N, C-alpha and C. Protein backbone atom coordinates (compact mmCIF):
# COMPACT_ATOMS: atom_id res chain seq x y z
N SER A 1 8.70 7.19 22.06
CA SER A 1 8.63 6.54 20.76
C SER A 1 9.71 5.47 20.63
N ASN A 2 10.88 5.71 21.26
CA ASN A 2 11.91 4.68 21.25
C ASN A 2 12.61 4.69 22.60
N LEU A 3 13.47 3.75 22.81
CA LEU A 3 14.12 3.60 24.11
C LEU A 3 14.98 4.81 24.46
N TYR A 4 15.66 5.39 23.47
CA TYR A 4 16.51 6.56 23.73
C TYR A 4 15.67 7.72 24.26
N ASP A 5 14.55 8.00 23.58
CA ASP A 5 13.67 9.08 24.02
C ASP A 5 13.12 8.80 25.42
N TYR A 6 12.78 7.56 25.65
CA TYR A 6 12.23 7.14 26.95
C TYR A 6 13.24 7.43 28.06
N VAL A 7 14.49 6.98 27.85
CA VAL A 7 15.54 7.16 28.86
C VAL A 7 15.84 8.66 29.02
N SER A 8 15.88 9.41 27.93
CA SER A 8 16.16 10.86 28.01
C SER A 8 15.07 11.56 28.82
N THR A 9 13.83 11.25 28.54
CA THR A 9 12.72 11.88 29.25
C THR A 9 12.78 11.52 30.73
N GLU A 10 13.08 10.26 31.00
CA GLU A 10 13.17 9.81 32.39
C GLU A 10 14.32 10.52 33.11
N SER A 11 15.45 10.63 32.46
CA SER A 11 16.62 11.30 33.07
C SER A 11 16.32 12.76 33.36
N GLU A 12 15.66 13.44 32.41
CA GLU A 12 15.30 14.86 32.61
C GLU A 12 14.33 15.01 33.77
N ALA A 13 13.36 14.14 33.86
CA ALA A 13 12.37 14.23 34.93
C ALA A 13 13.04 14.02 36.28
N ILE A 14 13.96 13.07 36.35
CA ILE A 14 14.66 12.82 37.61
C ILE A 14 15.53 14.01 37.97
N ALA A 15 16.24 14.58 36.98
CA ALA A 15 17.12 15.73 37.22
C ALA A 15 16.33 16.95 37.67
N ASN A 16 15.15 17.16 37.09
CA ASN A 16 14.32 18.31 37.42
C ASN A 16 13.45 18.08 38.64
N GLY A 17 13.36 16.83 39.09
CA GLY A 17 12.52 16.53 40.24
C GLY A 17 11.04 16.52 39.90
N THR A 18 10.71 16.38 38.64
CA THR A 18 9.30 16.34 38.24
C THR A 18 8.84 14.89 38.12
N PRO A 19 7.55 14.67 38.33
CA PRO A 19 7.05 13.30 38.22
C PRO A 19 7.09 12.82 36.77
N LEU A 20 7.32 11.55 36.62
CA LEU A 20 7.35 10.96 35.28
C LEU A 20 5.93 10.81 34.74
N PRO A 21 5.73 11.08 33.43
CA PRO A 21 4.40 10.93 32.84
C PRO A 21 4.09 9.45 32.54
N PHE A 22 5.05 8.57 32.84
CA PHE A 22 4.89 7.14 32.55
C PHE A 22 5.72 6.39 33.59
N PRO A 23 5.53 5.08 33.69
CA PRO A 23 6.32 4.31 34.66
C PRO A 23 7.81 4.35 34.29
N SER A 24 8.66 4.38 35.30
CA SER A 24 10.09 4.40 35.04
C SER A 24 10.52 3.04 34.49
N LEU A 25 11.71 3.02 33.84
CA LEU A 25 12.24 1.77 33.31
C LEU A 25 12.41 0.73 34.42
N THR A 26 12.82 1.20 35.57
CA THR A 26 12.99 0.29 36.71
C THR A 26 11.67 -0.35 37.08
N GLU A 27 10.61 0.46 37.13
CA GLU A 27 9.27 -0.07 37.46
C GLU A 27 8.80 -1.04 36.39
N VAL A 28 9.00 -0.71 35.13
CA VAL A 28 8.60 -1.59 34.03
C VAL A 28 9.38 -2.90 34.13
N PHE A 29 10.69 -2.78 34.37
CA PHE A 29 11.53 -3.97 34.49
C PHE A 29 11.05 -4.84 35.66
N ASP A 30 10.82 -4.21 36.81
CA ASP A 30 10.36 -4.97 37.99
C ASP A 30 9.02 -5.65 37.73
N GLN A 31 8.11 -4.95 37.04
CA GLN A 31 6.82 -5.55 36.71
C GLN A 31 6.99 -6.77 35.80
N GLU A 32 7.86 -6.65 34.82
CA GLU A 32 8.09 -7.76 33.89
C GLU A 32 8.75 -8.94 34.60
N VAL A 33 9.70 -8.65 35.50
CA VAL A 33 10.34 -9.72 36.27
C VAL A 33 9.29 -10.44 37.13
N LYS A 34 8.40 -9.69 37.76
CA LYS A 34 7.35 -10.30 38.59
C LYS A 34 6.43 -11.18 37.74
N LYS A 35 6.11 -10.71 36.54
CA LYS A 35 5.26 -11.52 35.64
C LYS A 35 5.93 -12.85 35.31
N VAL A 36 7.22 -12.77 34.95
CA VAL A 36 7.96 -13.98 34.59
C VAL A 36 8.07 -14.91 35.79
N GLU A 37 8.38 -14.35 36.97
CA GLU A 37 8.47 -15.17 38.17
C GLU A 37 7.14 -15.83 38.49
N SER A 38 6.05 -15.09 38.32
CA SER A 38 4.71 -15.63 38.57
C SER A 38 4.41 -16.78 37.61
N GLN A 39 4.74 -16.59 36.33
CA GLN A 39 4.52 -17.64 35.34
C GLN A 39 5.37 -18.87 35.66
N ASN A 40 6.61 -18.64 36.10
CA ASN A 40 7.49 -19.74 36.47
C ASN A 40 6.94 -20.50 37.67
N GLU A 41 6.40 -19.76 38.65
CA GLU A 41 5.81 -20.42 39.82
C GLU A 41 4.61 -21.27 39.42
N GLU A 42 3.76 -20.73 38.53
CA GLU A 42 2.60 -21.49 38.06
C GLU A 42 3.05 -22.75 37.33
N THR A 43 4.06 -22.60 36.48
CA THR A 43 4.59 -23.76 35.75
C THR A 43 5.18 -24.77 36.72
N LYS A 44 5.93 -24.30 37.70
CA LYS A 44 6.54 -25.18 38.69
C LYS A 44 5.45 -25.91 39.47
N THR A 45 4.38 -25.22 39.85
CA THR A 45 3.29 -25.84 40.59
C THR A 45 2.64 -26.93 39.76
N VAL A 46 2.40 -26.67 38.49
CA VAL A 46 1.80 -27.66 37.60
C VAL A 46 2.74 -28.85 37.44
N GLU A 47 4.03 -28.57 37.26
CA GLU A 47 5.01 -29.66 37.12
C GLU A 47 5.09 -30.48 38.40
N ASP A 48 5.10 -29.82 39.56
CA ASP A 48 5.15 -30.53 40.84
C ASP A 48 3.92 -31.43 41.01
N GLU A 49 2.76 -30.93 40.63
CA GLU A 49 1.53 -31.71 40.73
C GLU A 49 1.59 -32.92 39.81
N ALA A 50 2.11 -32.74 38.60
CA ALA A 50 2.22 -33.86 37.66
C ALA A 50 3.18 -34.92 38.18
N VAL A 51 4.28 -34.50 38.76
CA VAL A 51 5.24 -35.45 39.33
C VAL A 51 4.61 -36.19 40.51
N ARG A 52 3.90 -35.46 41.37
CA ARG A 52 3.24 -36.08 42.52
C ARG A 52 2.21 -37.12 42.06
N GLN A 53 1.42 -36.77 41.06
CA GLN A 53 0.42 -37.71 40.55
C GLN A 53 1.08 -38.94 39.92
N PHE A 54 2.19 -38.72 39.20
CA PHE A 54 2.92 -39.84 38.61
C PHE A 54 3.43 -40.78 39.70
N LYS A 55 4.01 -40.22 40.75
CA LYS A 55 4.51 -41.03 41.85
C LYS A 55 3.38 -41.80 42.52
N GLN A 56 2.22 -41.17 42.68
CA GLN A 56 1.06 -41.86 43.26
C GLN A 56 0.65 -43.04 42.39
N MET A 57 0.57 -42.82 41.08
CA MET A 57 0.16 -43.89 40.18
C MET A 57 1.18 -45.03 40.18
N MET A 58 2.46 -44.71 40.25
CA MET A 58 3.48 -45.76 40.31
C MET A 58 3.34 -46.57 41.59
N PHE A 59 3.10 -45.90 42.71
CA PHE A 59 2.91 -46.60 43.98
C PHE A 59 1.69 -47.52 43.89
N VAL A 60 0.60 -47.00 43.35
CA VAL A 60 -0.63 -47.77 43.22
C VAL A 60 -0.43 -48.97 42.29
N ALA A 61 0.36 -48.80 41.24
CA ALA A 61 0.62 -49.90 40.31
C ALA A 61 1.38 -51.03 40.99
N VAL A 62 2.25 -50.69 41.93
CA VAL A 62 3.03 -51.71 42.62
C VAL A 62 2.26 -52.28 43.81
N TYR A 63 1.55 -51.43 44.54
CA TYR A 63 0.80 -51.84 45.73
C TYR A 63 -0.67 -51.43 45.57
N PRO A 64 -1.45 -52.13 44.77
CA PRO A 64 -2.81 -51.69 44.47
C PRO A 64 -3.77 -51.63 45.66
N ASP A 65 -3.51 -52.44 46.69
CA ASP A 65 -4.47 -52.46 47.80
C ASP A 65 -3.93 -51.78 49.06
N ARG A 66 -2.83 -51.00 48.91
CA ARG A 66 -2.29 -50.28 50.06
C ARG A 66 -2.59 -48.79 49.95
N PRO A 67 -2.81 -48.13 51.08
CA PRO A 67 -3.04 -46.68 51.05
C PRO A 67 -1.81 -45.94 50.55
N ILE A 68 -2.03 -44.84 49.86
CA ILE A 68 -0.93 -44.01 49.38
C ILE A 68 -0.28 -43.33 50.59
N PRO A 69 1.05 -43.41 50.71
CA PRO A 69 1.72 -42.78 51.86
C PRO A 69 1.47 -41.28 51.91
N PHE A 70 1.52 -40.74 53.13
CA PHE A 70 1.31 -39.30 53.32
C PHE A 70 2.28 -38.48 52.48
N SER A 71 3.51 -38.96 52.35
CA SER A 71 4.52 -38.20 51.61
C SER A 71 4.13 -38.01 50.15
N LEU A 72 3.30 -38.92 49.60
CA LEU A 72 2.84 -38.77 48.22
C LEU A 72 1.49 -38.07 48.14
N GLU A 73 0.79 -37.96 49.26
CA GLU A 73 -0.51 -37.28 49.29
C GLU A 73 -0.36 -35.78 49.37
N LYS A 74 0.68 -35.32 50.06
CA LYS A 74 0.86 -33.88 50.29
C LYS A 74 1.22 -33.17 49.00
N ASP A 75 0.87 -31.88 48.95
CA ASP A 75 1.24 -31.05 47.81
C ASP A 75 2.70 -30.64 47.86
N GLY A 76 3.28 -30.71 49.00
CA GLY A 76 4.69 -30.34 49.14
C GLY A 76 5.11 -30.57 50.56
N ASP A 77 6.40 -30.49 50.82
CA ASP A 77 6.89 -30.70 52.16
C ASP A 77 6.78 -29.39 52.92
N ASP A 78 5.88 -29.38 53.90
CA ASP A 78 5.68 -28.15 54.66
C ASP A 78 6.45 -28.18 55.98
N GLY A 79 7.37 -29.16 56.11
CA GLY A 79 8.18 -29.20 57.30
C GLY A 79 7.58 -30.01 58.43
N ASP A 80 6.33 -30.41 58.34
CA ASP A 80 5.71 -31.21 59.38
C ASP A 80 6.36 -32.58 59.43
N ASP A 81 6.57 -33.07 60.61
CA ASP A 81 7.11 -34.41 60.78
C ASP A 81 5.97 -35.35 61.12
N ASP A 82 5.10 -35.59 60.13
CA ASP A 82 3.98 -36.49 60.34
C ASP A 82 4.49 -37.91 60.54
N VAL A 83 3.83 -38.61 61.43
CA VAL A 83 4.14 -40.02 61.64
C VAL A 83 3.48 -40.79 60.51
N GLU A 84 4.27 -41.56 59.81
CA GLU A 84 3.74 -42.33 58.69
C GLU A 84 3.37 -43.71 59.20
N VAL A 85 2.12 -44.08 59.03
CA VAL A 85 1.63 -45.37 59.48
C VAL A 85 1.59 -46.31 58.29
N ASP A 86 2.16 -47.50 58.47
CA ASP A 86 2.17 -48.49 57.40
C ASP A 86 1.09 -49.51 57.71
N GLY A 87 0.57 -50.11 56.68
CA GLY A 87 -0.42 -51.16 56.87
C GLY A 87 -1.80 -50.71 56.42
N GLY A 88 -2.74 -51.59 56.60
CA GLY A 88 -4.09 -51.31 56.17
C GLY A 88 -4.26 -51.67 54.72
N LYS A 89 -5.49 -51.77 54.31
CA LYS A 89 -5.79 -52.11 52.92
C LYS A 89 -6.86 -51.16 52.41
N VAL A 90 -6.78 -50.89 51.13
CA VAL A 90 -7.79 -50.07 50.47
C VAL A 90 -8.88 -51.01 49.98
N ASP A 91 -10.12 -50.67 50.28
CA ASP A 91 -11.25 -51.48 49.85
C ASP A 91 -11.50 -51.23 48.36
N LEU A 92 -11.44 -52.27 47.56
CA LEU A 92 -11.62 -52.16 46.12
C LEU A 92 -13.05 -52.50 45.69
N THR A 93 -13.97 -52.43 46.64
CA THR A 93 -15.37 -52.74 46.33
C THR A 93 -16.24 -51.51 46.52
N CYS A 94 -17.26 -51.44 45.71
CA CYS A 94 -18.22 -50.33 45.76
C CYS A 94 -19.05 -50.44 47.04
N PRO A 95 -19.24 -49.34 47.78
CA PRO A 95 -20.06 -49.40 48.99
C PRO A 95 -21.54 -49.61 48.70
N ILE A 96 -21.95 -49.43 47.46
CA ILE A 96 -23.35 -49.61 47.10
C ILE A 96 -23.60 -51.06 46.67
N SER A 97 -22.81 -51.54 45.72
CA SER A 97 -23.04 -52.88 45.17
C SER A 97 -22.28 -53.97 45.92
N ARG A 98 -21.26 -53.59 46.68
CA ARG A 98 -20.38 -54.54 47.37
C ARG A 98 -19.62 -55.45 46.40
N GLU A 99 -19.45 -54.99 45.16
CA GLU A 99 -18.70 -55.71 44.13
C GLU A 99 -17.43 -54.92 43.82
N VAL A 100 -16.43 -55.61 43.27
CA VAL A 100 -15.20 -54.92 42.86
C VAL A 100 -15.57 -53.87 41.82
N PHE A 101 -14.94 -52.71 41.92
CA PHE A 101 -15.23 -51.61 41.01
C PHE A 101 -15.03 -52.01 39.55
N VAL A 102 -15.92 -51.51 38.71
CA VAL A 102 -15.78 -51.65 37.26
C VAL A 102 -15.46 -50.28 36.68
N ARG A 103 -16.27 -49.28 37.02
CA ARG A 103 -16.05 -47.90 36.59
C ARG A 103 -16.16 -46.98 37.81
N PRO A 104 -15.07 -46.85 38.57
CA PRO A 104 -15.13 -46.07 39.81
C PRO A 104 -15.26 -44.56 39.56
N TYR A 105 -16.17 -43.96 40.31
CA TYR A 105 -16.37 -42.50 40.28
C TYR A 105 -16.28 -42.00 41.71
N ARG A 106 -15.65 -40.83 41.89
CA ARG A 106 -15.39 -40.28 43.22
C ARG A 106 -16.21 -39.03 43.43
N ASN A 107 -16.79 -38.92 44.62
CA ASN A 107 -17.53 -37.71 45.00
C ASN A 107 -16.50 -36.63 45.30
N LYS A 108 -16.59 -35.50 44.60
CA LYS A 108 -15.64 -34.40 44.79
C LYS A 108 -15.73 -33.81 46.19
N THR A 109 -16.91 -33.91 46.82
CA THR A 109 -17.12 -33.32 48.12
C THR A 109 -16.50 -34.13 49.25
N CYS A 110 -16.87 -35.42 49.34
CA CYS A 110 -16.40 -36.24 50.46
C CYS A 110 -15.29 -37.21 50.09
N LYS A 111 -14.99 -37.33 48.80
CA LYS A 111 -13.91 -38.18 48.29
C LYS A 111 -14.22 -39.68 48.35
N HIS A 112 -15.46 -40.07 48.65
CA HIS A 112 -15.82 -41.49 48.60
C HIS A 112 -16.00 -41.92 47.15
N THR A 113 -15.75 -43.19 46.89
CA THR A 113 -15.78 -43.72 45.53
C THR A 113 -16.89 -44.75 45.40
N TYR A 114 -17.57 -44.74 44.24
CA TYR A 114 -18.67 -45.65 43.96
C TYR A 114 -18.52 -46.15 42.52
N ASP A 115 -19.12 -47.28 42.24
CA ASP A 115 -19.14 -47.77 40.86
C ASP A 115 -20.26 -47.04 40.13
N LEU A 116 -20.03 -46.67 38.89
CA LEU A 116 -20.93 -45.78 38.16
C LEU A 116 -22.35 -46.35 38.01
N GLU A 117 -22.49 -47.56 37.53
CA GLU A 117 -23.83 -48.11 37.28
C GLU A 117 -24.64 -48.26 38.57
N PRO A 118 -24.09 -48.87 39.64
CA PRO A 118 -24.85 -48.91 40.89
C PRO A 118 -25.17 -47.51 41.43
N LEU A 119 -24.25 -46.57 41.21
CA LEU A 119 -24.48 -45.19 41.67
C LEU A 119 -25.70 -44.59 40.98
N LYS A 120 -25.81 -44.79 39.66
CA LYS A 120 -26.96 -44.26 38.93
C LYS A 120 -28.27 -44.81 39.49
N ILE A 121 -28.29 -46.09 39.78
CA ILE A 121 -29.50 -46.71 40.36
C ILE A 121 -29.75 -46.16 41.75
N TYR A 122 -28.71 -46.04 42.56
CA TYR A 122 -28.83 -45.55 43.93
C TYR A 122 -29.39 -44.12 43.96
N LEU A 123 -28.95 -43.29 43.01
CA LEU A 123 -29.37 -41.89 42.99
C LEU A 123 -30.85 -41.71 42.66
N ARG A 124 -31.50 -42.75 42.17
CA ARG A 124 -32.95 -42.66 41.92
C ARG A 124 -33.72 -42.56 43.23
N SER A 125 -33.15 -43.12 44.30
CA SER A 125 -33.88 -43.14 45.58
C SER A 125 -33.23 -42.30 46.67
N SER A 126 -31.98 -41.90 46.50
CA SER A 126 -31.30 -41.13 47.54
C SER A 126 -30.33 -40.14 46.91
N GLN A 127 -30.13 -39.02 47.57
CA GLN A 127 -29.19 -38.00 47.12
C GLN A 127 -28.10 -37.77 48.17
N GLU A 128 -27.84 -38.82 48.99
CA GLU A 128 -26.83 -38.72 50.03
C GLU A 128 -25.79 -39.81 49.87
N CYS A 129 -24.56 -39.49 50.21
CA CYS A 129 -23.49 -40.48 50.18
C CYS A 129 -23.83 -41.62 51.13
N PRO A 130 -23.76 -42.87 50.68
CA PRO A 130 -24.08 -43.99 51.57
C PRO A 130 -23.04 -44.19 52.68
N GLU A 131 -21.89 -43.55 52.54
CA GLU A 131 -20.83 -43.69 53.55
C GLU A 131 -20.91 -42.62 54.64
N CYS A 132 -21.22 -41.38 54.25
CA CYS A 132 -21.15 -40.30 55.23
C CYS A 132 -22.36 -39.36 55.24
N GLY A 133 -23.25 -39.50 54.26
CA GLY A 133 -24.48 -38.70 54.25
C GLY A 133 -24.36 -37.33 53.58
N VAL A 134 -23.20 -36.99 53.05
CA VAL A 134 -23.04 -35.70 52.38
C VAL A 134 -23.83 -35.73 51.07
N SER A 135 -24.15 -34.56 50.55
CA SER A 135 -24.91 -34.46 49.30
C SER A 135 -24.20 -35.19 48.16
N LEU A 136 -24.99 -35.89 47.35
CA LEU A 136 -24.44 -36.69 46.27
C LEU A 136 -25.33 -36.56 45.04
N ARG A 137 -24.74 -36.08 43.94
CA ARG A 137 -25.45 -35.97 42.66
C ARG A 137 -24.47 -36.32 41.55
N MET A 138 -24.96 -36.60 40.39
CA MET A 138 -24.07 -36.94 39.27
C MET A 138 -23.13 -35.78 38.95
N GLU A 139 -23.56 -34.55 39.21
CA GLU A 139 -22.72 -33.38 38.94
C GLU A 139 -21.55 -33.29 39.90
N THR A 140 -21.62 -33.99 41.04
CA THR A 140 -20.55 -33.90 42.04
C THR A 140 -19.57 -35.07 41.97
N VAL A 141 -19.71 -35.94 40.99
CA VAL A 141 -18.78 -37.07 40.88
C VAL A 141 -17.92 -36.94 39.63
N GLU A 142 -16.74 -37.55 39.70
CA GLU A 142 -15.80 -37.55 38.59
C GLU A 142 -15.12 -38.91 38.54
N PRO A 143 -14.60 -39.30 37.39
CA PRO A 143 -13.90 -40.59 37.33
C PRO A 143 -12.74 -40.62 38.33
N ASP A 144 -12.60 -41.75 39.00
CA ASP A 144 -11.52 -41.93 39.97
C ASP A 144 -10.43 -42.76 39.32
N LEU A 145 -9.47 -42.06 38.72
CA LEU A 145 -8.40 -42.72 37.96
C LEU A 145 -7.47 -43.53 38.86
N VAL A 146 -7.27 -43.07 40.08
CA VAL A 146 -6.42 -43.82 41.00
C VAL A 146 -7.08 -45.16 41.34
N MET A 147 -8.37 -45.14 41.66
CA MET A 147 -9.07 -46.38 41.98
C MET A 147 -9.13 -47.30 40.77
N GLN A 148 -9.32 -46.73 39.59
CA GLN A 148 -9.34 -47.55 38.36
C GLN A 148 -8.00 -48.26 38.19
N THR A 149 -6.92 -47.53 38.43
CA THR A 149 -5.58 -48.11 38.33
C THR A 149 -5.39 -49.20 39.39
N ARG A 150 -5.88 -48.93 40.61
CA ARG A 150 -5.80 -49.92 41.68
C ARG A 150 -6.47 -51.23 41.26
N VAL A 151 -7.69 -51.12 40.75
CA VAL A 151 -8.46 -52.31 40.38
C VAL A 151 -7.76 -53.07 39.25
N GLU A 152 -7.31 -52.35 38.24
CA GLU A 152 -6.63 -53.01 37.11
C GLU A 152 -5.36 -53.72 37.57
N CYS A 153 -4.59 -53.09 38.44
CA CYS A 153 -3.36 -53.69 38.92
C CYS A 153 -3.64 -54.85 39.88
N PHE A 154 -4.70 -54.73 40.68
CA PHE A 154 -5.09 -55.82 41.57
C PHE A 154 -5.48 -57.05 40.75
N LYS A 155 -6.25 -56.84 39.70
CA LYS A 155 -6.65 -57.96 38.82
C LYS A 155 -5.42 -58.55 38.13
N ARG A 156 -4.52 -57.70 37.69
CA ARG A 156 -3.27 -58.17 37.08
C ARG A 156 -2.50 -59.05 38.05
N ASP A 157 -2.36 -58.60 39.30
CA ASP A 157 -1.63 -59.36 40.31
C ASP A 157 -2.31 -60.68 40.61
N ALA A 158 -3.64 -60.68 40.65
CA ALA A 158 -4.39 -61.92 40.91
C ALA A 158 -4.14 -62.93 39.79
N LYS A 159 -4.13 -62.47 38.55
CA LYS A 159 -3.85 -63.36 37.41
C LYS A 159 -2.43 -63.92 37.50
N LEU A 160 -1.47 -63.07 37.82
CA LEU A 160 -0.09 -63.52 37.95
C LEU A 160 0.05 -64.54 39.07
N GLU A 161 -0.61 -64.28 40.17
CA GLU A 161 -0.57 -65.21 41.31
C GLU A 161 -1.16 -66.56 40.92
N GLU A 162 -2.25 -66.54 40.18
CA GLU A 162 -2.89 -67.77 39.73
C GLU A 162 -1.96 -68.54 38.78
N LEU A 163 -1.28 -67.83 37.89
CA LEU A 163 -0.33 -68.48 36.98
C LEU A 163 0.82 -69.12 37.75
N VAL A 164 1.31 -68.44 38.76
CA VAL A 164 2.40 -68.98 39.57
C VAL A 164 1.93 -70.22 40.31
N LYS A 165 0.73 -70.18 40.87
CA LYS A 165 0.17 -71.34 41.58
C LYS A 165 0.03 -72.53 40.64
N ASP A 166 -0.49 -72.28 39.44
CA ASP A 166 -0.66 -73.35 38.46
C ASP A 166 0.68 -73.96 38.10
N ARG A 167 1.68 -73.13 37.95
CA ARG A 167 3.00 -73.63 37.58
C ARG A 167 3.59 -74.46 38.71
N ARG A 168 3.43 -73.99 39.95
CA ARG A 168 3.92 -74.74 41.11
C ARG A 168 3.21 -76.10 41.18
N PHE A 169 1.91 -76.12 40.96
CA PHE A 169 1.14 -77.35 41.00
C PHE A 169 1.65 -78.34 39.94
N ASP A 170 1.88 -77.81 38.73
CA ASP A 170 2.39 -78.65 37.65
C ASP A 170 3.74 -79.25 38.01
N GLU A 171 4.63 -78.46 38.61
CA GLU A 171 5.94 -78.94 38.96
C GLU A 171 5.88 -79.93 40.12
N THR A 172 4.94 -79.75 41.04
CA THR A 172 4.74 -80.70 42.14
C THR A 172 4.26 -82.03 41.61
N GLU A 173 3.38 -81.99 40.63
CA GLU A 173 2.85 -83.21 40.02
C GLU A 173 3.96 -84.01 39.36
N LYS A 174 4.97 -83.33 38.80
CA LYS A 174 6.07 -84.02 38.14
C LYS A 174 6.92 -84.81 39.12
N LEU A 175 6.97 -84.34 40.36
CA LEU A 175 7.78 -85.02 41.39
C LEU A 175 7.12 -86.32 41.71
């Protein structure tokens, strides 16, 4: 009924060598500690994932057409000394329409990305990924926020580059 009675009953059972009719305080304490540790691990995992996704988005915002480095792709450092390859470009065009993405959606199964409207039209005649042939349905795709960010930042950079070119041209004309 209260902690004093609980401890007294436990002490008597231990002294008499009889089994406890309930879990010991130590067992209850250990179970509660495990619960808290488990919740902390879950929270840490969620926090780690959020930080990883934030770092990926920051990288994509700065380098929209470059692949995300392996160090930002991994869920954590597992001690592997992977060789990191630099270079290459990410294709910002839909494999179906061959146009720059407007509303990119990613296949959860094969991770290929398509533009939503061309995908809807494509699915009328085929149920396979045009890149690898894996099953493809509207239920298996989700918005690709990383690709959306890539496209928006790529367009931003193109506009900035055009402004810089125009300014250089204007200053050259003054000479």
